[in-house]
Amino acid sequence: MRPWRTVTIPLVLGILCALLSACAEVPRPLSPGSSVSEHSGQSLVFGRMAMIRDAEDRMTSLPSFSRSLGWELLEAHSGKKFVVDPLTENVFFALPLPAGLYHVTKLRYEDRYGLWEGTLAASFSVKPGSLTYVGTWQITFAGLGPGVPITGRTLNDLKEDRAEFEERYAINARPVTVALLESAPEGQFSLLRPRSEH
């Protein structure tokens, strides 16, 4: 084999891998105060995240500490990847997405302890032009340490939360479809970077 081929082939493969991984779309969640009616032609997914540790929702109980949660999605039919990080820094989210069936492939959570990354399989559907409520995804830390089991479940809190969503995103402009996110019961988080290392 010629020496230039031994260098060129790995280089080309490396560039192709980098290009393919860079092909993820990065949709931006709506900011509080945005009107859903401004996005009337788009499908929007909205809901709430709850991160439970020591019987407290860490997304709401520690307002003085920064925290955020992000996720990576894979659309089942097209194979397109979506990276949304942060999805929310304050519990609620509203996210424009094309119609499709989405699988959550990775989670990232940052709190006063550090940056966590892990998996908790989940999926949800988005219909064309719809405003879809996926529920409150409650993720609970089931242990302590750098590798932590987590559990997940989805709650339908739309009746209780509707006023909050209307105030934040003006969702009263369109009818809402309830299609709750389907969560696996168990997953795993790993502490990638403790807060002291930031």
Protein backbone atom coordinates (compact mmCIF):
# COMPACT_ATOMS: atom_id res chain seq x y z
CA MET A 1 0.00 0.00 0.00
CA ARG A 2 1.29 3.46 -0.83
CA PRO A 3 2.12 5.74 2.13
CA TRP A 4 -0.22 8.53 0.97
CA ARG A 5 -3.16 6.11 1.08
CA THR A 6 -2.49 5.15 4.68
CA VAL A 7 -2.77 8.83 5.62
CA THR A 8 -5.53 9.84 3.18
CA ILE A 9 -8.07 7.10 3.93
CA PRO A 10 -8.24 7.75 7.72
CA LEU A 11 -8.28 11.49 7.07
CA VAL A 12 -11.22 11.23 4.64
CA LEU A 13 -13.09 8.88 7.01
CA GLY A 14 -12.50 11.30 9.90
CA ILE A 15 -13.83 14.24 7.88
CA LEU A 16 -16.92 12.25 6.81
CA CYS A 17 -17.66 11.23 10.41
CA ALA A 18 -17.31 14.84 11.57
CA LEU A 19 -19.62 16.07 8.81
CA LEU A 20 -22.27 13.45 9.55
CA SER A 21 -22.27 14.19 13.28
CA ALA A 22 -22.47 17.92 12.54
CA CYS A 23 -25.68 17.41 10.56
CA ALA A 24 -27.89 17.60 13.63
CA GLU A 25 -30.52 20.31 13.66
CA VAL A 26 -30.56 22.65 16.63
CA PRO A 27 -34.11 23.98 17.17
CA ARG A 28 -34.47 26.76 19.73
CA PRO A 29 -37.12 26.55 22.43
CA LEU A 30 -39.49 29.52 22.55
CA SER A 31 -38.56 32.18 25.05
CA PRO A 32 -41.09 33.05 27.75
CA GLY A 33 -43.22 35.86 26.39
CA SER A 34 -43.19 34.43 22.84
CA SER A 35 -46.59 33.96 21.31
CA VAL A 36 -47.44 30.55 19.94
CA SER A 37 -49.59 32.33 17.35
CA GLU A 38 -46.36 33.72 15.81
CA HIS A 39 -45.55 30.11 14.89
CA SER A 40 -49.02 29.25 13.57
CA GLY A 41 -47.77 27.14 10.64
CA GLN A 42 -45.36 25.11 12.76
CA SER A 43 -45.85 22.16 15.02
CA LEU A 44 -45.00 22.95 18.62
CA VAL A 45 -44.35 20.59 21.52
CA PHE A 46 -44.69 21.88 25.04
CA GLY A 47 -44.51 20.47 28.54
CA ARG A 48 -42.65 20.56 31.79
CA MET A 49 -39.56 18.87 33.24
CA ALA A 50 -39.21 17.78 36.87
CA MET A 51 -35.84 16.58 38.21
CA ILE A 52 -36.47 14.88 41.56
CA ARG A 53 -33.63 14.37 44.03
CA ASP A 54 -34.05 13.87 47.78
CA ALA A 55 -37.85 14.18 47.31
CA GLU A 56 -37.52 17.73 45.88
CA ASP A 57 -37.97 19.02 42.35
CA ARG A 58 -34.52 20.50 41.72
CA MET A 59 -35.80 22.55 38.78
CA THR A 60 -37.95 24.64 41.14
CA SER A 61 -36.56 24.23 44.66
CA LEU A 62 -33.12 25.80 44.18
CA PRO A 63 -33.75 29.12 42.40
CA SER A 64 -30.37 30.60 43.35
CA PHE A 65 -28.46 27.79 41.61
CA SER A 66 -28.28 27.60 37.84
CA ARG A 67 -29.70 24.45 36.35
CA SER A 68 -30.63 23.35 32.88
CA LEU A 69 -31.78 20.28 31.04
CA GLY A 70 -31.20 19.37 27.41
CA TRP A 71 -31.96 16.42 25.20
CA GLU A 72 -31.01 14.83 21.92
CA LEU A 73 -33.79 13.54 19.71
CA LEU A 74 -33.90 11.17 16.77
CA GLU A 75 -36.84 11.42 14.34
CA ALA A 76 -37.78 7.78 13.62
CA HIS A 77 -38.76 8.05 9.94
CA SER A 78 -36.10 10.41 8.57
CA GLY A 79 -33.27 9.47 10.95
CA LYS A 80 -32.67 13.19 11.52
CA LYS A 81 -31.00 14.17 14.79
CA PHE A 82 -32.07 17.19 16.85
CA VAL A 83 -29.99 18.64 19.68
CA VAL A 84 -31.81 20.93 22.12
CA ASP A 85 -29.51 22.07 24.90
CA PRO A 86 -30.78 23.73 26.94
CA LEU A 87 -34.36 22.62 26.49
CA THR A 88 -35.31 24.42 29.68
CA GLU A 89 -33.71 26.28 32.54
CA ASN A 90 -36.94 26.94 34.38
CA VAL A 91 -39.15 23.82 34.22
CA PHE A 92 -41.40 24.76 31.25
CA PHE A 93 -40.57 24.41 27.57
CA ALA A 94 -42.17 25.03 24.18
CA LEU A 95 -40.25 23.72 21.18
CA PRO A 96 -40.94 24.02 17.43
CA LEU A 97 -40.40 20.65 15.71
CA PRO A 98 -41.38 19.17 12.35
CA ALA A 99 -44.12 16.52 12.42
CA GLY A 100 -42.84 13.04 13.24
CA LEU A 101 -42.14 10.36 15.82
CA TYR A 102 -39.28 11.36 18.13
CA HIS A 103 -37.08 9.24 20.40
CA VAL A 104 -35.07 10.84 23.20
CA THR A 105 -31.56 9.39 22.80
CA LYS A 106 -29.59 11.41 25.36
CA LEU A 107 -30.20 13.71 28.32
CA ARG A 108 -27.96 16.38 29.83
CA TYR A 109 -28.68 17.95 33.19
CA GLU A 110 -26.64 20.57 34.99
CA ASP A 111 -27.16 21.60 38.60
CA ARG A 112 -25.12 22.72 41.59
CA TYR A 113 -23.36 19.32 41.69
CA GLY A 114 -22.13 19.41 38.10
CA LEU A 115 -22.94 18.23 34.59
CA TRP A 116 -24.75 14.89 34.22
CA GLU A 117 -25.32 12.96 31.01
CA GLY A 118 -27.32 9.82 30.48
CA THR A 119 -30.16 7.93 28.91
CA LEU A 120 -33.78 7.35 29.76
CA ALA A 121 -35.59 6.07 26.69
CA ALA A 122 -38.69 8.06 25.76
CA SER A 123 -40.74 8.91 22.69
CA PHE A 124 -43.47 11.27 21.57
CA SER A 125 -45.36 12.12 18.36
CA VAL A 126 -45.92 15.46 16.68
CA LYS A 127 -48.69 15.97 14.13
CA PRO A 128 -48.36 18.56 11.32
CA GLY A 129 -49.28 22.09 12.43
CA SER A 130 -50.32 20.92 15.90
CA LEU A 131 -49.74 22.31 19.37
CA THR A 132 -48.91 19.15 21.33
CA TYR A 133 -48.74 18.85 25.11
CA VAL A 134 -46.38 15.99 26.08
CA GLY A 135 -46.92 16.26 29.84
CA THR A 136 -44.58 16.63 32.80
CA TRP A 137 -41.63 14.29 32.44
CA GLN A 138 -40.62 13.46 35.99
CA ILE A 139 -37.08 12.09 36.26
CA THR A 140 -35.99 10.88 39.69
CA PHE A 141 -32.42 10.27 40.86
CA ALA A 142 -32.59 6.80 42.47
CA GLY A 143 -29.20 6.95 44.17
CA LEU A 144 -26.08 8.95 44.86
CA GLY A 145 -22.63 8.88 43.32
CA PRO A 146 -21.01 9.49 39.95
CA GLY A 147 -23.12 6.81 38.22
CA VAL A 148 -26.76 7.12 39.24
CA PRO A 149 -29.79 5.09 38.26
CA ILE A 150 -32.77 7.24 37.32
CA THR A 151 -36.46 6.50 36.95
CA GLY A 152 -38.98 8.23 34.72
CA ARG A 153 -42.70 8.73 34.42
CA THR A 154 -44.99 11.17 32.65
CA LEU A 155 -47.82 13.07 34.31
CA ASN A 156 -50.73 14.91 32.70
CA ASP A 157 -50.67 18.26 34.51
CA LEU A 158 -52.28 20.31 31.75
CA LYS A 159 -55.30 21.32 33.85
CA GLU A 160 -53.07 22.63 36.64
CA ASP A 161 -50.47 24.14 34.31
CA ARG A 162 -52.66 25.60 31.57
CA ALA A 163 -52.73 29.12 33.06
CA GLU A 164 -48.93 29.12 33.39
CA PHE A 165 -48.47 28.01 29.79
CA GLU A 166 -50.98 30.58 28.54
CA GLU A 167 -49.13 33.31 30.40
CA ARG A 168 -45.68 32.22 29.17
CA TYR A 169 -46.46 31.29 25.56
CA ALA A 170 -50.01 32.50 24.74
CA ILE A 171 -51.15 28.95 23.92
CA ASN A 172 -54.82 29.93 24.11
CA ALA A 173 -54.52 30.99 20.46
CA ARG A 174 -54.71 27.36 19.21
CA PRO A 175 -56.33 24.09 20.22
CA VAL A 176 -54.07 21.74 22.19
CA THR A 177 -53.53 18.05 21.44
CA VAL A 178 -52.58 15.92 24.46
CA ALA A 179 -50.10 13.19 23.43
CA LEU A 180 -48.10 12.31 26.52
CA LEU A 181 -44.44 11.38 26.21
CA GLU A 182 -43.90 7.65 26.75
CA SER A 183 -41.02 7.15 29.18
CA ALA A 184 -39.08 4.01 30.01
CA PRO A 185 -39.22 3.31 33.74
CA GLU A 186 -35.43 3.21 34.24
CA GLY A 187 -32.27 4.78 32.90
CA GLN A 188 -28.83 6.02 33.95
CA PHE A 189 -27.02 9.33 34.61
CA SER A 190 -23.25 9.74 34.88
CA LEU A 191 -21.55 12.74 36.44
CA LEU A 192 -19.30 14.04 33.65
CA ARG A 193 -17.94 17.13 35.34
CA PRO A 194 -18.36 17.90 39.04
CA ARG A 195 -19.13 21.57 39.78
CA SER A 196 -15.78 22.12 41.50
CA GLU A 197 -14.01 21.48 38.17
CA HIS A 198 -15.83 24.27 36.26
